[in-house]
Amino acid sequence: MEAQIAALPASDAEFVALIRRSRAGDGEALRHAVSLLEPEIAALSRTMRMETNDAAQTLRTKLIELILNESGQTRD
């Protein structure tokens, strides 16, 4: 089941299309998908027990891993 993303400035169908294009190797689609989630990344990174910039980068890295992994699971 896919999680609902609050305040996403793209429709669900547009976001799913970005994910599919990202998985097909479209780097621009991947950058756009991550940029759409930057407000959530910023908010979450302020609540984590690490430096804000490090937390944000960790969240971005995991997000990219989730997007590119077709099963939707990380390797951890």
PDB file of N, CA and C in Angstrom:
ATOM      1  N   MET A   1       0.838  -1.174   0.000  1.00  0.00           N
ATOM      2  CA  MET A   1       0.000   0.000   0.000  1.00  0.00           C
ATOM      3  C   MET A   1       0.887   1.243   0.000  1.00  0.00           C
ATOM      4  N   GLU A   2       0.582   2.205  -0.853  1.00  0.00           N
ATOM      5  CA  GLU A   2       1.381   3.417  -0.932  1.00  0.00           C
ATOM      6  C   GLU A   2       0.911   4.426   0.100  1.00  0.00           C
ATOM      7  N   ALA A   3       1.859   5.108   0.719  1.00  0.00           N
ATOM      8  CA  ALA A   3       1.528   6.116   1.726  1.00  0.00           C
ATOM      9  C   ALA A   3       1.071   7.395   1.055  1.00  0.00           C
ATOM     10  N   GLN A   4       0.164   8.091   1.696  1.00  0.00           N
ATOM     11  CA  GLN A   4      -0.298   9.390   1.222  1.00  0.00           C
ATOM     12  C   GLN A   4       0.754  10.435   1.561  1.00  0.00           C
ATOM     13  N   ILE A   5       1.094  11.275   0.616  1.00  0.00           N
ATOM     14  CA  ILE A   5       2.091  12.312   0.836  1.00  0.00           C
ATOM     15  C   ILE A   5       1.371  13.641   0.952  1.00  0.00           C
ATOM     16  N   ALA A   6       1.495  14.271   2.114  1.00  0.00           N
ATOM     17  CA  ALA A   6       0.785  15.522   2.379  1.00  0.00           C
ATOM     18  C   ALA A   6       1.351  16.662   1.544  1.00  0.00           C
ATOM     19  N   ALA A   7       0.472  17.510   1.045  1.00  0.00           N
ATOM     20  CA  ALA A   7       0.816  18.755   0.369  1.00  0.00           C
ATOM     21  C   ALA A   7       1.728  18.566  -0.850  1.00  0.00           C
ATOM     22  N   LEU A   8       1.632  17.456  -1.491  1.00  0.00           N
ATOM     23  CA  LEU A   8       2.445  17.213  -2.679  1.00  0.00           C
ATOM     24  C   LEU A   8       1.900  18.072  -3.816  1.00  0.00           C
ATOM     25  N   PRO A   9       2.747  18.928  -4.433  1.00  0.00           N
ATOM     26  CA  PRO A   9       2.259  19.823  -5.476  1.00  0.00           C
ATOM     27  C   PRO A   9       2.044  19.150  -6.835  1.00  0.00           C
ATOM     28  N   ALA A  10       2.058  17.862  -6.877  1.00  0.00           N
ATOM     29  CA  ALA A  10       1.785  17.114  -8.106  1.00  0.00           C
ATOM     30  C   ALA A  10       0.694  16.098  -7.794  1.00  0.00           C
ATOM     31  N   SER A  11      -0.072  15.758  -8.805  1.00  0.00           N
ATOM     32  CA  SER A  11      -1.102  14.753  -8.575  1.00  0.00           C
ATOM     33  C   SER A  11      -0.445  13.399  -8.330  1.00  0.00           C
ATOM     34  N   ASP A  12      -1.223  12.499  -7.760  1.00  0.00           N
ATOM     35  CA  ASP A  12      -0.700  11.148  -7.525  1.00  0.00           C
ATOM     36  C   ASP A  12      -0.222  10.515  -8.829  1.00  0.00           C
ATOM     37  N   ALA A  13      -1.000  10.697  -9.891  1.00  0.00           N
ATOM     38  CA  ALA A  13      -0.639  10.106 -11.180  1.00  0.00           C
ATOM     39  C   ALA A  13       0.664  10.705 -11.704  1.00  0.00           C
ATOM     40  N   GLU A  14       0.852  12.008 -11.535  1.00  0.00           N
ATOM     41  CA  GLU A  14       2.087  12.650 -11.978  1.00  0.00           C
ATOM     42  C   GLU A  14       3.281  12.140 -11.172  1.00  0.00           C
ATOM     43  N   PHE A  15       3.080  11.977  -9.866  1.00  0.00           N
ATOM     44  CA  PHE A  15       4.170  11.498  -9.025  1.00  0.00           C
ATOM     45  C   PHE A  15       4.533  10.054  -9.378  1.00  0.00           C
ATOM     46  N   VAL A  16       3.533   9.228  -9.594  1.00  0.00           N
ATOM     47  CA  VAL A  16       3.784   7.836  -9.986  1.00  0.00           C
ATOM     48  C   VAL A  16       4.519   7.800 -11.323  1.00  0.00           C
ATOM     49  N   ALA A  17       4.149   8.688 -12.243  1.00  0.00           N
ATOM     50  CA  ALA A  17       4.843   8.749 -13.528  1.00  0.00           C
ATOM     51  C   ALA A  17       6.312   9.135 -13.337  1.00  0.00           C
ATOM     52  N   LEU A  18       6.583  10.069 -12.409  1.00  0.00           N
ATOM     53  CA  LEU A  18       7.968  10.435 -12.113  1.00  0.00           C
ATOM     54  C   LEU A  18       8.749   9.245 -11.574  1.00  0.00           C
ATOM     55  N   ILE A  19       8.111   8.468 -10.696  1.00  0.00           N
ATOM     56  CA  ILE A  19       8.773   7.283 -10.133  1.00  0.00           C
ATOM     57  C   ILE A  19       9.086   6.286 -11.239  1.00  0.00           C
ATOM     58  N   ARG A  20       8.131   6.048 -12.105  1.00  0.00           N
ATOM     59  CA  ARG A  20       8.347   5.091 -13.202  1.00  0.00           C
ATOM     60  C   ARG A  20       9.471   5.563 -14.120  1.00  0.00           C
ATOM     61  N   ARG A  21       9.468   6.857 -14.461  1.00  0.00           N
ATOM     62  CA  ARG A  21      10.528   7.390 -15.318  1.00  0.00           C
ATOM     63  C   ARG A  21      11.880   7.302 -14.613  1.00  0.00           C
ATOM     64  N   SER A  22      11.893   7.550 -13.308  1.00  0.00           N
ATOM     65  CA  SER A  22      13.137   7.451 -12.536  1.00  0.00           C
ATOM     66  C   SER A  22      13.687   6.043 -12.586  1.00  0.00           C
ATOM     67  N   ARG A  23      12.822   5.076 -12.415  1.00  0.00           N
ATOM     68  CA  ARG A  23      13.235   3.673 -12.439  1.00  0.00           C
ATOM     69  C   ARG A  23      13.706   3.245 -13.817  1.00  0.00           C
ATOM     70  N   ALA A  24      13.264   3.973 -14.842  1.00  0.00           N
ATOM     71  CA  ALA A  24      13.698   3.680 -16.212  1.00  0.00           C
ATOM     72  C   ALA A  24      15.005   4.389 -16.556  1.00  0.00           C
ATOM     73  N   GLY A  25      15.552   5.140 -15.574  1.00  0.00           N
ATOM     74  CA  GLY A  25      16.841   5.774 -15.792  1.00  0.00           C
ATOM     75  C   GLY A  25      16.806   7.271 -16.055  1.00  0.00           C
ATOM     76  N   ASP A  26      15.654   7.903 -15.932  1.00  0.00           N
ATOM     77  CA  ASP A  26      15.523   9.339 -16.173  1.00  0.00           C
ATOM     78  C   ASP A  26      15.962  10.119 -14.928  1.00  0.00           C
ATOM     79  N   GLY A  27      17.180  10.631 -14.965  1.00  0.00           N
ATOM     80  CA  GLY A  27      17.738  11.352 -13.822  1.00  0.00           C
ATOM     81  C   GLY A  27      16.987  12.627 -13.503  1.00  0.00           C
ATOM     82  N   GLU A  28      16.491  13.303 -14.519  1.00  0.00           N
ATOM     83  CA  GLU A  28      15.737  14.549 -14.291  1.00  0.00           C
ATOM     84  C   GLU A  28      14.433  14.239 -13.538  1.00  0.00           C
ATOM     85  N   ALA A  29      13.776  13.145 -13.880  1.00  0.00           N
ATOM     86  CA  ALA A  29      12.550  12.749 -13.177  1.00  0.00           C
ATOM     87  C   ALA A  29      12.859  12.439 -11.718  1.00  0.00           C
ATOM     88  N   LEU A  30      13.986  11.795 -11.463  1.00  0.00           N
ATOM     89  CA  LEU A  30      14.388  11.474 -10.093  1.00  0.00           C
ATOM     90  C   LEU A  30      14.640  12.758  -9.303  1.00  0.00           C
ATOM     91  N   ARG A  31      15.371  13.700  -9.904  1.00  0.00           N
ATOM     92  CA  ARG A  31      15.626  14.980  -9.228  1.00  0.00           C
ATOM     93  C   ARG A  31      14.318  15.712  -8.934  1.00  0.00           C
ATOM     94  N   HIS A  32      13.386  15.665  -9.882  1.00  0.00           N
ATOM     95  CA  HIS A  32      12.102  16.351  -9.685  1.00  0.00           C
ATOM     96  C   HIS A  32      11.295  15.685  -8.563  1.00  0.00           C
ATOM     97  N   ALA A  33      11.282  14.367  -8.538  1.00  0.00           N
ATOM     98  CA  ALA A  33      10.550  13.652  -7.480  1.00  0.00           C
ATOM     99  C   ALA A  33      11.114  14.002  -6.108  1.00  0.00           C
ATOM    100  N   VAL A  34      12.429  14.029  -5.984  1.00  0.00           N
ATOM    101  CA  VAL A  34      13.052  14.383  -4.705  1.00  0.00           C
ATOM    102  C   VAL A  34      12.749  15.835  -4.357  1.00  0.00           C
ATOM    103  N   SER A  35      12.813  16.723  -5.343  1.00  0.00           N
ATOM    104  CA  SER A  35      12.554  18.141  -5.059  1.00  0.00           C
ATOM    105  C   SER A  35      11.122  18.369  -4.596  1.00  0.00           C
ATOM    106  N   LEU A  36      10.185  17.591  -5.090  1.00  0.00           N
ATOM    107  CA  LEU A  36       8.794  17.721  -4.638  1.00  0.00           C
ATOM    108  C   LEU A  36       8.645  17.402  -3.156  1.00  0.00           C
ATOM    109  N   LEU A  37       9.536  16.559  -2.650  1.00  0.00           N
ATOM    110  CA  LEU A  37       9.456  16.142  -1.249  1.00  0.00           C
ATOM    111  C   LEU A  37      10.394  16.928  -0.336  1.00  0.00           C
ATOM    112  N   GLU A  38      11.081  17.932  -0.864  1.00  0.00           N
ATOM    113  CA  GLU A  38      12.011  18.719  -0.050  1.00  0.00           C
ATOM    114  C   GLU A  38      11.364  19.352   1.188  1.00  0.00           C
ATOM    115  N   PRO A  39      10.131  19.890   1.113  1.00  0.00           N
ATOM    116  CA  PRO A  39       9.536  20.445   2.347  1.00  0.00           C
ATOM    117  C   PRO A  39       9.389  19.398   3.457  1.00  0.00           C
ATOM    118  N   GLU A  40       8.997  18.188   3.085  1.00  0.00           N
ATOM    119  CA  GLU A  40       8.872  17.119   4.077  1.00  0.00           C
ATOM    120  C   GLU A  40      10.241  16.686   4.594  1.00  0.00           C
ATOM    121  N   ILE A  41      11.222  16.637   3.704  1.00  0.00           N
ATOM    122  CA  ILE A  41      12.590  16.287   4.113  1.00  0.00           C
ATOM    123  C   ILE A  41      13.104  17.310   5.117  1.00  0.00           C
ATOM    124  N   ALA A  42      12.885  18.593   4.833  1.00  0.00           N
ATOM    125  CA  ALA A  42      13.338  19.651   5.738  1.00  0.00           C
ATOM    126  C   ALA A  42      12.658  19.538   7.100  1.00  0.00           C
ATOM    127  N   ALA A  43      11.362  19.304   7.101  1.00  0.00           N
ATOM    128  CA  ALA A  43      10.632  19.198   8.365  1.00  0.00           C
ATOM    129  C   ALA A  43      11.092  17.983   9.171  1.00  0.00           C
ATOM    130  N   LEU A  44      11.228  16.851   8.508  1.00  0.00           N
ATOM    131  CA  LEU A  44      11.661  15.642   9.204  1.00  0.00           C
ATOM    132  C   LEU A  44      13.090  15.750   9.714  1.00  0.00           C
ATOM    133  N   SER A  45      13.958  16.388   8.933  1.00  0.00           N
ATOM    134  CA  SER A  45      15.364  16.467   9.327  1.00  0.00           C
ATOM    135  C   SER A  45      15.560  17.285  10.595  1.00  0.00           C
ATOM    136  N   ARG A  46      14.648  18.203  10.865  1.00  0.00           N
ATOM    137  CA  ARG A  46      14.746  19.005  12.093  1.00  0.00           C
ATOM    138  C   ARG A  46      14.366  18.209  13.339  1.00  0.00           C
ATOM    139  N   THR A  47      13.703  17.076  13.152  1.00  0.00           N
ATOM    140  CA  THR A  47      13.270  16.277  14.300  1.00  0.00           C
ATOM    141  C   THR A  47      14.206  15.111  14.607  1.00  0.00           C
ATOM    142  N   MET A  48      15.180  14.895  13.746  1.00  0.00           N
ATOM    143  CA  MET A  48      16.078  13.755  13.910  1.00  0.00           C
ATOM    144  C   MET A  48      17.234  14.104  14.839  1.00  0.00           C
ATOM    145  N   ARG A  49      17.781  13.105  15.498  1.00  0.00           N
ATOM    146  CA  ARG A  49      18.876  13.295  16.451  1.00  0.00           C
ATOM    147  C   ARG A  49      20.231  13.263  15.757  1.00  0.00           C
ATOM    148  N   MET A  50      20.397  14.190  14.842  1.00  0.00           N
ATOM    149  CA  MET A  50      21.675  14.372  14.151  1.00  0.00           C
ATOM    150  C   MET A  50      21.657  15.775  13.568  1.00  0.00           C
ATOM    151  N   GLU A  51      22.786  16.208  13.041  1.00  0.00           N
ATOM    152  CA  GLU A  51      22.844  17.518  12.411  1.00  0.00           C
ATOM    153  C   GLU A  51      21.774  17.594  11.321  1.00  0.00           C
ATOM    154  N   THR A  52      21.115  18.724  11.221  1.00  0.00           N
ATOM    155  CA  THR A  52      20.015  18.879  10.269  1.00  0.00           C
ATOM    156  C   THR A  52      20.438  18.566   8.841  1.00  0.00           C
ATOM    157  N   ASN A  53      21.589  19.072   8.413  1.00  0.00           N
ATOM    158  CA  ASN A  53      22.044  18.810   7.045  1.00  0.00           C
ATOM    159  C   ASN A  53      22.335  17.335   6.819  1.00  0.00           C
ATOM    160  N   ASP A  54      22.938  16.691   7.807  1.00  0.00           N
ATOM    161  CA  ASP A  54      23.215  15.258   7.698  1.00  0.00           C
ATOM    162  C   ASP A  54      21.918  14.463   7.649  1.00  0.00           C
ATOM    163  N   ALA A  55      20.956  14.858   8.472  1.00  0.00           N
ATOM    164  CA  ALA A  55      19.661  14.174   8.493  1.00  0.00           C
ATOM    165  C   ALA A  55      18.952  14.318   7.147  1.00  0.00           C
ATOM    166  N   ALA A  56      18.970  15.531   6.597  1.00  0.00           N
ATOM    167  CA  ALA A  56      18.319  15.763   5.308  1.00  0.00           C
ATOM    168  C   ALA A  56      18.981  14.923   4.218  1.00  0.00           C
ATOM    169  N   GLN A  57      20.304  14.865   4.219  1.00  0.00           N
ATOM    170  CA  GLN A  57      21.001  14.077   3.208  1.00  0.00           C
ATOM    171  C   GLN A  57      20.705  12.582   3.374  1.00  0.00           C
ATOM    172  N   THR A  58      20.618  12.119   4.606  1.00  0.00           N
ATOM    173  CA  THR A  58      20.269  10.717   4.863  1.00  0.00           C
ATOM    174  C   THR A  58      18.872  10.415   4.331  1.00  0.00           C
ATOM    175  N   LEU A  59      17.928  11.317   4.587  1.00  0.00           N
ATOM    176  CA  LEU A  59      16.561  11.124   4.090  1.00  0.00           C
ATOM    177  C   LEU A  59      16.521  11.115   2.566  1.00  0.00           C
ATOM    178  N   ARG A  60      17.247  12.024   1.931  1.00  0.00           N
ATOM    179  CA  ARG A  60      17.288  12.049   0.466  1.00  0.00           C
ATOM    180  C   ARG A  60      17.875  10.747  -0.089  1.00  0.00           C
ATOM    181  N   THR A  61      18.944  10.283   0.535  1.00  0.00           N
ATOM    182  CA  THR A  61      19.589   9.049   0.076  1.00  0.00           C
ATOM    183  C   THR A  61      18.634   7.867   0.173  1.00  0.00           C
ATOM    184  N   LYS A  62      17.936   7.752   1.294  1.00  0.00           N
ATOM    185  CA  LYS A  62      16.972   6.653   1.469  1.00  0.00           C
ATOM    186  C   LYS A  62      15.804   6.789   0.498  1.00  0.00           C
ATOM    187  N   LEU A  63      15.356   8.022   0.270  1.00  0.00           N
ATOM    188  CA  LEU A  63      14.270   8.244  -0.679  1.00  0.00           C
ATOM    189  C   LEU A  63      14.677   7.791  -2.077  1.00  0.00           C
ATOM    190  N   ILE A  64      15.867   8.178  -2.499  1.00  0.00           N
ATOM    191  CA  ILE A  64      16.356   7.766  -3.819  1.00  0.00           C
ATOM    192  C   ILE A  64      16.468   6.248  -3.897  1.00  0.00           C
ATOM    193  N   GLU A  65      16.963   5.640  -2.830  1.00  0.00           N
ATOM    194  CA  GLU A  65      17.057   4.180  -2.794  1.00  0.00           C
ATOM    195  C   GLU A  65      15.673   3.540  -2.929  1.00  0.00           C
ATOM    196  N   LEU A  66      14.689   4.094  -2.235  1.00  0.00           N
ATOM    197  CA  LEU A  66      13.326   3.556  -2.328  1.00  0.00           C
ATOM    198  C   LEU A  66      12.741   3.735  -3.728  1.00  0.00           C
ATOM    199  N   ILE A  67      12.983   4.891  -4.317  1.00  0.00           N
ATOM    200  CA  ILE A  67      12.454   5.154  -5.658  1.00  0.00           C
ATOM    201  C   ILE A  67      13.061   4.187  -6.667  1.00  0.00           C
ATOM    202  N   LEU A  68      14.368   4.005  -6.609  1.00  0.00           N
ATOM    203  CA  LEU A  68      15.046   3.197  -7.609  1.00  0.00           C
ATOM    204  C   LEU A  68      14.877   1.696  -7.405  1.00  0.00           C
ATOM    205  N   ASN A  69      14.535   1.284  -6.191  1.00  0.00           N
ATOM    206  CA  ASN A  69      14.333  -0.126  -5.887  1.00  0.00           C
ATOM    207  C   ASN A  69      12.878  -0.460  -6.171  1.00  0.00           C
ATOM    208  N   GLU A  70      12.634  -1.214  -7.216  1.00  0.00           N
ATOM    209  CA  GLU A  70      11.258  -1.494  -7.647  1.00  0.00           C
ATOM    210  C   GLU A  70      10.405  -2.186  -6.608  1.00  0.00           C
ATOM    211  N   SER A  71      11.014  -2.900  -5.680  1.00  0.00           N
ATOM    212  CA  SER A  71      10.223  -3.577  -4.652  1.00  0.00           C
ATOM    213  C   SER A  71       9.795  -2.603  -3.557  1.00  0.00           C
ATOM    214  N   GLY A  72      10.376  -1.394  -3.534  1.00  0.00           N
ATOM    215  CA  GLY A  72      10.000  -0.403  -2.550  1.00  0.00           C
ATOM    216  C   GLY A  72      10.608  -0.647  -1.183  1.00  0.00           C
ATOM    217  N   GLN A  73      11.617  -1.514  -1.099  1.00  0.00           N
ATOM    218  CA  GLN A  73      12.263  -1.799   0.189  1.00  0.00           C
ATOM    219  C   GLN A  73      13.730  -1.440   0.107  1.00  0.00           C
ATOM    220  N   THR A  74      14.269  -1.012   1.258  1.00  0.00           N
ATOM    221  CA  THR A  74      15.688  -0.682   1.314  1.00  0.00           C
ATOM    222  C   THR A  74      16.487  -1.920   1.658  1.00  0.00           C
ATOM    223  N   ARG A  75      17.810  -1.833   1.532  1.00  0.00           N
ATOM    224  CA  ARG A  75      18.686  -2.974   1.806  1.00  0.00           C
ATOM    225  C   ARG A  75      18.991  -3.134   3.280  1.00  0.00           C
ATOM    226  N   ASP A  76      18.610  -2.193   4.128  1.00  0.00           N
ATOM    227  CA  ASP A  76      18.933  -2.272   5.558  1.00  0.00           C
ATOM    228  C   ASP A  76      18.236  -3.401   6.257  1.00  0.00           C
TER     229      ASP A  76
END
